[in-house]
Amino acid sequence: MSEPKTSLKQKMLNVLGVKKVYEEKNDALKKKIKDVKFRIEKKKKDTKIAETLDLISKL
């Protein structure tokens, strides 16, 4: 049994559909990475503030 022939147009649409899915996943990953970086920076700032307050309290 041979597979039904897929038209070139349909193949192109399939490729574009797959490309779109990968682009959406890529965008989601970029957003997640950006969010994690933001949280790390916030934690660094909070830690510096805590360290500064600790030093001030020791004076």
PDB file of N, CA and C in Angstrom:
ATOM      1  N   MET A   1       0.836  -1.187   0.000  1.00  0.00           N
ATOM      2  CA  MET A   1       0.000   0.000   0.000  1.00  0.00           C
ATOM      3  C   MET A   1       0.881   1.249   0.000  1.00  0.00           C
ATOM      4  N   SER A   2       0.607   2.113  -0.922  1.00  0.00           N
ATOM      5  CA  SER A   2       1.380   3.351  -0.958  1.00  0.00           C
ATOM      6  C   SER A   2       0.572   4.456  -0.282  1.00  0.00           C
ATOM      7  N   GLU A   3       1.315   5.416   0.270  1.00  0.00           N
ATOM      8  CA  GLU A   3       0.647   6.537   0.938  1.00  0.00           C
ATOM      9  C   GLU A   3      -0.026   7.412  -0.105  1.00  0.00           C
ATOM     10  N   PRO A   4      -1.112   8.051   0.260  1.00  0.00           N
ATOM     11  CA  PRO A   4      -1.737   8.971  -0.690  1.00  0.00           C
ATOM     12  C   PRO A   4      -0.785  10.128  -0.970  1.00  0.00           C
ATOM     13  N   LYS A   5      -0.760  10.576  -2.209  1.00  0.00           N
ATOM     14  CA  LYS A   5       0.146  11.665  -2.573  1.00  0.00           C
ATOM     15  C   LYS A   5      -0.307  12.951  -1.889  1.00  0.00           C
ATOM     16  N   THR A   6       0.650  13.621  -1.275  1.00  0.00           N
ATOM     17  CA  THR A   6       0.366  14.904  -0.646  1.00  0.00           C
ATOM     18  C   THR A   6       0.793  15.987  -1.614  1.00  0.00           C
ATOM     19  N   SER A   7      -0.089  16.933  -1.834  1.00  0.00           N
ATOM     20  CA  SER A   7       0.235  17.994  -2.781  1.00  0.00           C
ATOM     21  C   SER A   7       1.345  18.874  -2.219  1.00  0.00           C
ATOM     22  N   LEU A   8       2.066  19.513  -3.115  1.00  0.00           N
ATOM     23  CA  LEU A   8       3.150  20.406  -2.710  1.00  0.00           C
ATOM     24  C   LEU A   8       2.603  21.521  -1.822  1.00  0.00           C
ATOM     25  N   LYS A   9       1.428  22.027  -2.185  1.00  0.00           N
ATOM     26  CA  LYS A   9       0.810  23.092  -1.392  1.00  0.00           C
ATOM     27  C   LYS A   9       0.546  22.604   0.034  1.00  0.00           C
ATOM     28  N   GLN A  10       0.039  21.391   0.172  1.00  0.00           N
ATOM     29  CA  GLN A  10      -0.254  20.843   1.497  1.00  0.00           C
ATOM     30  C   GLN A  10       1.034  20.631   2.289  1.00  0.00           C
ATOM     31  N   LYS A  11       2.086  20.155   1.601  1.00  0.00           N
ATOM     32  CA  LYS A  11       3.376  19.971   2.276  1.00  0.00           C
ATOM     33  C   LYS A  11       3.894  21.301   2.807  1.00  0.00           C
ATOM     34  N   MET A  12       3.774  22.359   1.990  1.00  0.00           N
ATOM     35  CA  MET A  12       4.228  23.684   2.415  1.00  0.00           C
ATOM     36  C   MET A  12       3.415  24.170   3.618  1.00  0.00           C
ATOM     37  N   LEU A  13       2.110  23.940   3.588  1.00  0.00           N
ATOM     38  CA  LEU A  13       1.262  24.341   4.715  1.00  0.00           C
ATOM     39  C   LEU A  13       1.656  23.580   5.978  1.00  0.00           C
ATOM     40  N   ASN A  14       1.968  22.289   5.823  1.00  0.00           N
ATOM     41  CA  ASN A  14       2.408  21.482   6.965  1.00  0.00           C
ATOM     42  C   ASN A  14       3.705  22.036   7.547  1.00  0.00           C
ATOM     43  N   VAL A  15       4.659  22.370   6.670  1.00  0.00           N
ATOM     44  CA  VAL A  15       5.945  22.917   7.116  1.00  0.00           C
ATOM     45  C   VAL A  15       5.719  24.237   7.849  1.00  0.00           C
ATOM     46  N   LEU A  16       4.876  25.095   7.279  1.00  0.00           N
ATOM     47  CA  LEU A  16       4.595  26.384   7.917  1.00  0.00           C
ATOM     48  C   LEU A  16       3.912  26.192   9.269  1.00  0.00           C
ATOM     49  N   GLY A  17       3.030  25.198   9.355  1.00  0.00           N
ATOM     50  CA  GLY A  17       2.356  24.915  10.624  1.00  0.00           C
ATOM     51  C   GLY A  17       3.346  24.473  11.688  1.00  0.00           C
ATOM     52  N   VAL A  18       4.259  23.588  11.314  1.00  0.00           N
ATOM     53  CA  VAL A  18       5.284  23.111  12.248  1.00  0.00           C
ATOM     54  C   VAL A  18       6.177  24.276  12.662  1.00  0.00           C
ATOM     55  N   LYS A  19       6.554  25.107  11.687  1.00  0.00           N
ATOM     56  CA  LYS A  19       7.407  26.263  11.981  1.00  0.00           C
ATOM     57  C   LYS A  19       6.722  27.187  12.985  1.00  0.00           C
ATOM     58  N   LYS A  20       5.422  27.408  12.799  1.00  0.00           N
ATOM     59  CA  LYS A  20       4.676  28.296  13.695  1.00  0.00           C
ATOM     60  C   LYS A  20       4.661  27.730  15.115  1.00  0.00           C
ATOM     61  N   VAL A  21       4.451  26.426  15.238  1.00  0.00           N
ATOM     62  CA  VAL A  21       4.431  25.793  16.560  1.00  0.00           C
ATOM     63  C   VAL A  21       5.784  25.974  17.242  1.00  0.00           C
ATOM     64  N   TYR A  22       6.881  25.752  16.493  1.00  0.00           N
ATOM     65  CA  TYR A  22       8.210  25.911  17.077  1.00  0.00           C
ATOM     66  C   TYR A  22       8.477  27.353  17.472  1.00  0.00           C
ATOM     67  N   GLU A  23       8.017  28.310  16.650  1.00  0.00           N
ATOM     68  CA  GLU A  23       8.206  29.724  16.989  1.00  0.00           C
ATOM     69  C   GLU A  23       7.457  30.071  18.269  1.00  0.00           C
ATOM     70  N   GLU A  24       6.237  29.539  18.421  1.00  0.00           N
ATOM     71  CA  GLU A  24       5.462  29.806  19.635  1.00  0.00           C
ATOM     72  C   GLU A  24       6.153  29.212  20.858  1.00  0.00           C
ATOM     73  N   LYS A  25       6.667  27.991  20.721  1.00  0.00           N
ATOM     74  CA  LYS A  25       7.377  27.359  21.841  1.00  0.00           C
ATOM     75  C   LYS A  25       8.637  28.147  22.170  1.00  0.00           C
ATOM     76  N   ASN A  26       9.349  28.606  21.131  1.00  0.00           N
ATOM     77  CA  ASN A  26      10.561  29.385  21.316  1.00  0.00           C
ATOM     78  C   ASN A  26      10.249  30.684  22.054  1.00  0.00           C
ATOM     79  N   ASP A  27       9.171  31.367  21.639  1.00  0.00           N
ATOM     80  CA  ASP A  27       8.774  32.609  22.300  1.00  0.00           C
ATOM     81  C   ASP A  27       8.428  32.357  23.766  1.00  0.00           C
ATOM     82  N   ALA A  28       7.734  31.251  24.025  1.00  0.00           N
ATOM     83  CA  ALA A  28       7.361  30.918  25.402  1.00  0.00           C
ATOM     84  C   ALA A  28       8.608  30.664  26.248  1.00  0.00           C
ATOM     85  N   LEU A  29       9.587  29.965  25.676  1.00  0.00           N
ATOM     86  CA  LEU A  29      10.832  29.703  26.403  1.00  0.00           C
ATOM     87  C   LEU A  29      11.586  30.999  26.676  1.00  0.00           C
ATOM     88  N   LYS A  30      11.639  31.877  25.663  1.00  0.00           N
ATOM     89  CA  LYS A  30      12.314  33.164  25.855  1.00  0.00           C
ATOM     90  C   LYS A  30      11.658  33.950  26.982  1.00  0.00           C
ATOM     91  N   LYS A  31      10.323  33.928  27.017  1.00  0.00           N
ATOM     92  CA  LYS A  31       9.588  34.651  28.064  1.00  0.00           C
ATOM     93  C   LYS A  31       9.903  34.048  29.432  1.00  0.00           C
ATOM     94  N   LYS A  32       9.951  32.712  29.496  1.00  0.00           N
ATOM     95  CA  LYS A  32      10.237  32.028  30.755  1.00  0.00           C
ATOM     96  C   LYS A  32      11.651  32.363  31.240  1.00  0.00           C
ATOM     97  N   ILE A  33      12.622  32.346  30.308  1.00  0.00           N
ATOM     98  CA  ILE A  33      14.007  32.672  30.653  1.00  0.00           C
ATOM     99  C   ILE A  33      14.089  34.106  31.166  1.00  0.00           C
ATOM    100  N   LYS A  34      13.396  35.013  30.484  1.00  0.00           N
ATOM    101  CA  LYS A  34      13.392  36.420  30.895  1.00  0.00           C
ATOM    102  C   LYS A  34      12.821  36.555  32.306  1.00  0.00           C
ATOM    103  N   ASP A  35      11.749  35.815  32.592  1.00  0.00           N
ATOM    104  CA  ASP A  35      11.113  35.854  33.905  1.00  0.00           C
ATOM    105  C   ASP A  35      12.062  35.332  34.984  1.00  0.00           C
ATOM    106  N   VAL A  36      12.760  34.235  34.681  1.00  0.00           N
ATOM    107  CA  VAL A  36      13.704  33.664  35.647  1.00  0.00           C
ATOM    108  C   VAL A  36      14.846  34.645  35.902  1.00  0.00           C
ATOM    109  N   LYS A  37      15.377  35.262  34.838  1.00  0.00           N
ATOM    110  CA  LYS A  37      16.445  36.251  35.006  1.00  0.00           C
ATOM    111  C   LYS A  37      15.973  37.409  35.877  1.00  0.00           C
ATOM    112  N   PHE A  38      14.731  37.858  35.645  1.00  0.00           N
ATOM    113  CA  PHE A  38      14.172  38.955  36.426  1.00  0.00           C
ATOM    114  C   PHE A  38      14.100  38.565  37.901  1.00  0.00           C
ATOM    115  N   ARG A  39      13.634  37.332  38.173  1.00  0.00           N
ATOM    116  CA  ARG A  39      13.522  36.887  39.566  1.00  0.00           C
ATOM    117  C   ARG A  39      14.893  36.777  40.225  1.00  0.00           C
ATOM    118  N   ILE A  40      15.900  36.331  39.462  1.00  0.00           N
ATOM    119  CA  ILE A  40      17.258  36.234  40.006  1.00  0.00           C
ATOM    120  C   ILE A  40      17.771  37.629  40.359  1.00  0.00           C
ATOM    121  N   GLU A  41      17.574  38.599  39.450  1.00  0.00           N
ATOM    122  CA  GLU A  41      18.006  39.975  39.711  1.00  0.00           C
ATOM    123  C   GLU A  41      17.295  40.537  40.939  1.00  0.00           C
ATOM    124  N   LYS A  42      15.997  40.263  41.055  1.00  0.00           N
ATOM    125  CA  LYS A  42      15.228  40.762  42.199  1.00  0.00           C
ATOM    126  C   LYS A  42      15.779  40.161  43.486  1.00  0.00           C
ATOM    127  N   LYS A  43      16.089  38.875  43.448  1.00  0.00           N
ATOM    128  CA  LYS A  43      16.622  38.211  44.640  1.00  0.00           C
ATOM    129  C   LYS A  43      17.981  38.811  45.015  1.00  0.00           C
ATOM    130  N   LYS A  44      18.817  39.101  44.000  1.00  0.00           N
ATOM    131  CA  LYS A  44      20.116  39.730  44.260  1.00  0.00           C
ATOM    132  C   LYS A  44      19.923  41.076  44.944  1.00  0.00           C
ATOM    133  N   LYS A  45      18.971  41.874  44.418  1.00  0.00           N
ATOM    134  CA  LYS A  45      18.708  43.194  45.002  1.00  0.00           C
ATOM    135  C   LYS A  45      18.211  43.054  46.430  1.00  0.00           C
ATOM    136  N   ASP A  46      17.278  42.125  46.653  1.00  0.00           N
ATOM    137  CA  ASP A  46      16.739  41.907  47.997  1.00  0.00           C
ATOM    138  C   ASP A  46      17.850  41.480  48.952  1.00  0.00           C
ATOM    139  N   THR A  47      18.762  40.635  48.477  1.00  0.00           N
ATOM    140  CA  THR A  47      19.878  40.184  49.303  1.00  0.00           C
ATOM    141  C   THR A  47      20.785  41.352  49.651  1.00  0.00           C
ATOM    142  N   LYS A  48      21.073  42.215  48.656  1.00  0.00           N
ATOM    143  CA  LYS A  48      21.920  43.383  48.923  1.00  0.00           C
ATOM    144  C   LYS A  48      21.258  44.311  49.928  1.00  0.00           C
ATOM    145  N   ILE A  49      19.947  44.515  49.795  1.00  0.00           N
ATOM    146  CA  ILE A  49      19.222  45.369  50.740  1.00  0.00           C
ATOM    147  C   ILE A  49      19.305  44.767  52.138  1.00  0.00           C
ATOM    148  N   ALA A  50      19.108  43.467  52.237  1.00  0.00           N
ATOM    149  CA  ALA A  50      19.167  42.787  53.534  1.00  0.00           C
ATOM    150  C   ALA A  50      20.564  42.914  54.138  1.00  0.00           C
ATOM    151  N   GLU A  51      21.599  42.729  53.306  1.00  0.00           N
ATOM    152  CA  GLU A  51      22.975  42.857  53.799  1.00  0.00           C
ATOM    153  C   GLU A  51      23.244  44.276  54.272  1.00  0.00           C
ATOM    154  N   THR A  52      22.769  45.258  53.522  1.00  0.00           N
ATOM    155  CA  THR A  52      22.970  46.661  53.884  1.00  0.00           C
ATOM    156  C   THR A  52      22.263  46.972  55.199  1.00  0.00           C
ATOM    157  N   LEU A  53      21.026  46.526  55.338  1.00  0.00           N
ATOM    158  CA  LEU A  53      20.290  46.757  56.585  1.00  0.00           C
ATOM    159  C   LEU A  53      20.983  46.069  57.757  1.00  0.00           C
ATOM    160  N   ASP A  54      21.535  44.885  57.510  1.00  0.00           N
ATOM    161  CA  ASP A  54      22.261  44.156  58.548  1.00  0.00           C
ATOM    162  C   ASP A  54      23.485  44.953  58.993  1.00  0.00           C
ATOM    163  N   LEU A  55      24.227  45.501  58.023  1.00  0.00           N
ATOM    164  CA  LEU A  55      25.404  46.310  58.351  1.00  0.00           C
ATOM    165  C   LEU A  55      25.006  47.562  59.124  1.00  0.00           C
ATOM    166  N   ILE A  56      23.915  48.199  58.702  1.00  0.00           N
ATOM    167  CA  ILE A  56      23.454  49.412  59.385  1.00  0.00           C
ATOM    168  C   ILE A  56      23.059  49.084  60.821  1.00  0.00           C
ATOM    169  N   SER A  57      22.412  47.943  61.015  1.00  0.00           N
ATOM    170  CA  SER A  57      21.963  47.579  62.363  1.00  0.00           C
ATOM    171  C   SER A  57      23.147  47.293  63.286  1.00  0.00           C
ATOM    172  N   LYS A  58      24.291  46.925  62.717  1.00  0.00           N
ATOM    173  CA  LYS A  58      25.475  46.632  63.527  1.00  0.00           C
ATOM    174  C   LYS A  58      26.200  47.897  63.959  1.00  0.00           C
ATOM    175  N   LEU A  59      25.889  49.039  63.324  1.00  0.00           N
ATOM    176  CA  LEU A  59      26.567  50.295  63.671  1.00  0.00           C
ATOM    177  C   LEU A  59      26.134  50.814  65.020  1.00  0.00           C
TER     178      LEU A  59
END
